[in-house]
Protein backbone atom coordinates (compact mmCIF):
# COMPACT_ATOMS: atom_id res chain seq x y z
CA MET A 1 -34.08 -38.17 -10.38
CA ILE A 2 -35.67 -34.72 -10.28
CA TYR A 3 -33.51 -33.35 -7.48
CA THR A 4 -29.73 -33.40 -7.55
CA LYS A 5 -28.97 -31.08 -4.60
CA THR A 6 -26.19 -29.50 -6.70
CA GLY A 7 -28.00 -26.16 -6.67
CA ASP A 8 -28.58 -25.99 -2.94
CA LYS A 9 -25.84 -23.39 -2.54
CA GLY A 10 -27.19 -21.03 -5.19
CA THR A 11 -25.38 -22.23 -8.30
CA THR A 12 -26.52 -23.99 -11.44
CA SER A 13 -24.89 -25.66 -14.42
CA LEU A 14 -24.83 -24.23 -17.89
CA VAL A 15 -24.82 -26.40 -21.00
CA GLY A 16 -21.29 -27.76 -21.07
CA GLY A 17 -21.03 -28.11 -17.30
CA SER A 18 -19.66 -24.78 -16.05
CA ARG A 19 -21.37 -23.54 -12.88
CA VAL A 20 -22.65 -20.02 -12.27
CA GLN A 21 -24.70 -18.23 -9.63
CA LYS A 22 -28.44 -18.62 -10.11
CA CYS A 23 -28.65 -14.81 -10.28
CA ASP A 24 -26.16 -14.67 -13.20
CA ASP A 25 -27.35 -12.57 -16.15
CA ARG A 26 -27.25 -15.64 -18.39
CA VAL A 27 -29.54 -17.54 -16.00
CA GLU A 28 -31.82 -14.50 -15.75
CA ALA A 29 -32.06 -14.38 -19.56
CA TYR A 30 -32.86 -18.02 -20.20
CA GLY A 31 -35.01 -18.21 -17.07
CA THR A 32 -37.18 -15.34 -18.28
CA VAL A 33 -37.47 -16.97 -21.71
CA ASP A 34 -38.56 -20.14 -19.87
CA GLU A 35 -41.23 -18.12 -18.05
CA LEU A 36 -42.35 -16.67 -21.39
CA ASN A 37 -42.46 -20.14 -22.92
CA SER A 38 -44.66 -21.40 -20.09
CA TYR A 39 -47.02 -18.46 -20.40
CA ILE A 40 -47.29 -18.91 -24.15
CA GLY A 41 -48.30 -22.50 -23.37
CA LEU A 42 -51.17 -21.12 -21.31
CA VAL A 43 -52.24 -18.78 -24.13
CA ALA A 44 -52.06 -21.67 -26.61
CA GLU A 45 -54.34 -23.83 -24.48
CA LEU A 46 -56.78 -20.96 -23.97
CA CYS A 47 -56.99 -20.27 -27.71
CA HIS A 48 -57.18 -23.88 -28.92
CA HIS A 49 -60.98 -23.84 -29.09
CA LEU A 50 -60.94 -20.55 -31.02
CA SER A 51 -58.22 -21.00 -33.63
CA GLN A 52 -56.25 -24.10 -34.58
CA GLN A 53 -53.98 -21.87 -36.68
CA HIS A 54 -53.01 -19.69 -33.71
CA PHE A 55 -52.63 -22.76 -31.50
CA ASP A 56 -50.24 -24.31 -34.05
CA GLN A 57 -48.28 -21.05 -34.37
CA LEU A 58 -47.90 -20.79 -30.60
CA LYS A 59 -46.72 -24.40 -30.34
CA ARG A 60 -44.11 -23.70 -33.04
CA ILE A 61 -43.02 -20.61 -31.09
CA GLN A 62 -42.68 -22.69 -27.91
CA ASN A 63 -40.33 -25.05 -29.72
CA GLU A 64 -38.31 -22.12 -31.04
CA LEU A 65 -38.13 -20.66 -27.53
CA PHE A 66 -36.66 -23.93 -26.27
CA ILE A 67 -33.87 -23.45 -28.79
CA VAL A 68 -33.40 -19.87 -27.57
CA GLN A 69 -33.29 -21.05 -23.95
CA THR A 70 -30.68 -23.68 -24.78
CA LEU A 71 -28.51 -21.22 -26.68
CA LEU A 72 -28.73 -18.69 -23.87
CA ALA A 73 -27.76 -21.40 -21.37
CA THR A 74 -24.56 -22.09 -23.32
CA GLU A 75 -21.43 -19.99 -23.09
CA ASP A 76 -18.98 -22.49 -24.57
CA GLU A 77 -18.49 -21.91 -28.33
CA GLN A 78 -17.77 -25.60 -28.96
CA TRP A 79 -21.08 -26.55 -27.38
CA LEU A 80 -22.94 -23.82 -29.27
CA ALA A 81 -21.80 -25.33 -32.58
CA LYS A 82 -23.33 -28.69 -31.61
CA LEU A 83 -26.76 -27.36 -30.64
CA PRO A 84 -29.85 -26.76 -32.76
CA GLN A 85 -30.00 -23.17 -33.99
CA LEU A 86 -32.97 -20.87 -34.37
CA PRO A 87 -34.32 -21.32 -37.91
CA ALA A 88 -33.21 -18.52 -40.25
CA ASN A 89 -36.85 -17.84 -41.09
CA ALA A 90 -38.02 -17.62 -37.44
CA ALA A 91 -38.30 -13.81 -37.25
CA PRO A 92 -39.56 -13.44 -40.85
CA THR A 93 -42.25 -16.04 -40.10
CA LEU A 94 -43.41 -13.94 -37.15
CA GLU A 95 -43.44 -10.88 -39.43
CA HIS A 96 -45.62 -12.75 -41.93
CA CYS A 97 -48.05 -13.71 -39.15
CA ILE A 98 -48.10 -10.11 -37.89
CA ASP A 99 -48.83 -8.80 -41.38
CA SER A 100 -51.61 -11.35 -41.97
CA MET A 101 -53.35 -10.52 -38.70
CA THR A 102 -52.85 -6.76 -39.07
CA ALA A 103 -54.57 -6.84 -42.47
CA GLU A 104 -57.75 -8.00 -40.70
CA LEU A 105 -57.62 -5.50 -37.83
CA PRO A 106 -58.87 -1.92 -37.61
CA GLN A 107 -56.11 0.66 -37.61
CA ASN A 108 -54.68 1.23 -34.16
CA LYS A 109 -55.17 4.93 -33.34
CA ALA A 110 -54.78 4.94 -29.55
CA PHE A 111 -52.98 3.18 -26.73
CA ILE A 112 -54.66 -0.14 -26.06
CA ILE A 113 -55.27 -1.21 -22.47
CA ALA A 114 -54.87 -4.94 -21.86
CA GLY A 115 -58.20 -6.69 -21.53
CA GLY A 116 -61.34 -7.06 -23.56
CA SER A 117 -61.31 -10.80 -22.94
CA THR A 118 -59.46 -13.23 -20.72
CA LEU A 119 -57.57 -14.63 -23.70
CA SER A 120 -56.49 -11.20 -24.93
CA ALA A 121 -55.44 -10.14 -21.42
CA HIS A 122 -53.33 -13.29 -20.99
CA THR A 123 -51.71 -12.61 -24.35
CA HIS A 124 -50.78 -9.12 -23.15
CA VAL A 125 -49.18 -10.67 -20.05
CA ALA A 126 -47.14 -12.92 -22.37
CA ARG A 127 -46.14 -9.80 -24.33
CA THR A 128 -44.87 -8.06 -21.20
CA ILE A 129 -42.91 -11.15 -20.14
CA CYS A 130 -41.43 -11.17 -23.64
CA ARG A 131 -40.34 -7.55 -23.26
CA ARG A 132 -38.68 -8.44 -19.96
CA ALA A 133 -36.95 -11.39 -21.61
CA GLU A 134 -35.70 -9.01 -24.29
CA ARG A 135 -34.29 -6.66 -21.64
CA ARG A 136 -32.54 -9.59 -19.95
CA CYS A 137 -31.05 -10.70 -23.29
CA VAL A 138 -29.87 -7.17 -24.06
CA ARG A 139 -28.27 -6.93 -20.61
CA LEU A 140 -26.51 -10.26 -21.19
CA ASN A 141 -25.41 -9.08 -24.64
CA SER A 142 -23.76 -6.03 -23.07
CA GLN A 143 -21.43 -8.43 -21.23
CA GLN A 144 -21.26 -11.51 -23.46
CA PRO A 145 -22.35 -11.75 -27.08
CA VAL A 146 -25.88 -13.00 -27.74
CA ASP A 147 -26.62 -14.10 -31.26
CA GLU A 148 -28.39 -11.29 -33.16
CA SER A 149 -31.01 -13.75 -34.39
CA ILE A 150 -32.12 -14.27 -30.78
CA LEU A 151 -32.39 -10.55 -30.11
CA SER A 152 -34.36 -10.00 -33.34
CA TYR A 153 -36.62 -12.97 -32.68
CA ILE A 154 -37.51 -11.92 -29.12
CA ASN A 155 -38.16 -8.34 -30.27
CA ARG A 156 -40.40 -9.53 -33.10
CA LEU A 157 -42.17 -11.98 -30.81
CA SER A 158 -43.37 -9.19 -28.54
CA ASP A 159 -44.82 -7.42 -31.60
CA TYR A 160 -46.49 -10.68 -32.64
CA LEU A 161 -48.04 -11.10 -29.18
CA PHE A 162 -49.39 -7.53 -29.24
CA VAL A 163 -51.07 -8.08 -32.60
CA LEU A 164 -52.25 -11.55 -31.53
CA SER A 165 -53.96 -10.05 -28.47
CA ARG A 166 -55.87 -7.72 -30.78
CA HIS A 167 -56.64 -10.53 -33.24
CA PHE A 168 -58.10 -12.68 -30.47
CA LEU A 169 -60.56 -9.88 -29.68
CA LEU A 170 -61.56 -9.77 -33.34
CA LEU A 171 -62.13 -13.54 -33.39
CA GLU A 172 -64.08 -13.36 -30.13
CA ASN A 173 -66.10 -10.39 -31.40
CA LYS A 174 -65.03 -8.31 -28.39
CA ASN A 175 -64.06 -4.67 -28.15
CA GLU A 176 -60.64 -3.22 -27.55
CA HIS A 177 -60.21 -0.92 -24.57
CA TYR A 178 -58.35 2.33 -25.16
CA TRP A 179 -56.49 4.52 -22.76
CA GLN A 180 -58.40 7.69 -22.04
CA MET A 181 -56.03 10.59 -21.51
CA PRO A 182 -57.14 12.55 -18.46
CA GLU A 183 -58.17 16.10 -19.07
CA LYS A 184 -55.99 18.79 -17.56
């Protein structure tokens, strides 16, 4: 059954069964990661025709984000020990992807404005959602410990999405748009 009615009064269950307000910082953190995961799904589908490699990377990232969501939705240490963990190489894998794409890109010498193509613009939206997810995780970490691997991974993922947005423009043979500082 899709509806349980248990959340009708503004609470939800965490992994392990404890109930919290739907506005709890933990719910905000994993909810924003869920939003990010959904948006990355959109970017993956939009890029599938352009690059199987990027599509596969994004699908791997979606799976890793499900792990992050589950860990963020769990406050009980006993439950945490039973759950899948983020692979130790998750952030280094993103770094490798960033380095590979950056090697093909022109040097970034100005602030880039989102756009240039629909795919690149959507990837920038995913990047900004990722930054918000990072802020939510940092806020949660100020109250309850969040595994450092999650914080590193989300931080690196936003960098990956920035470089990916640029790489999509390269693959689409489109131009980047740069911020033009107004003259005084």
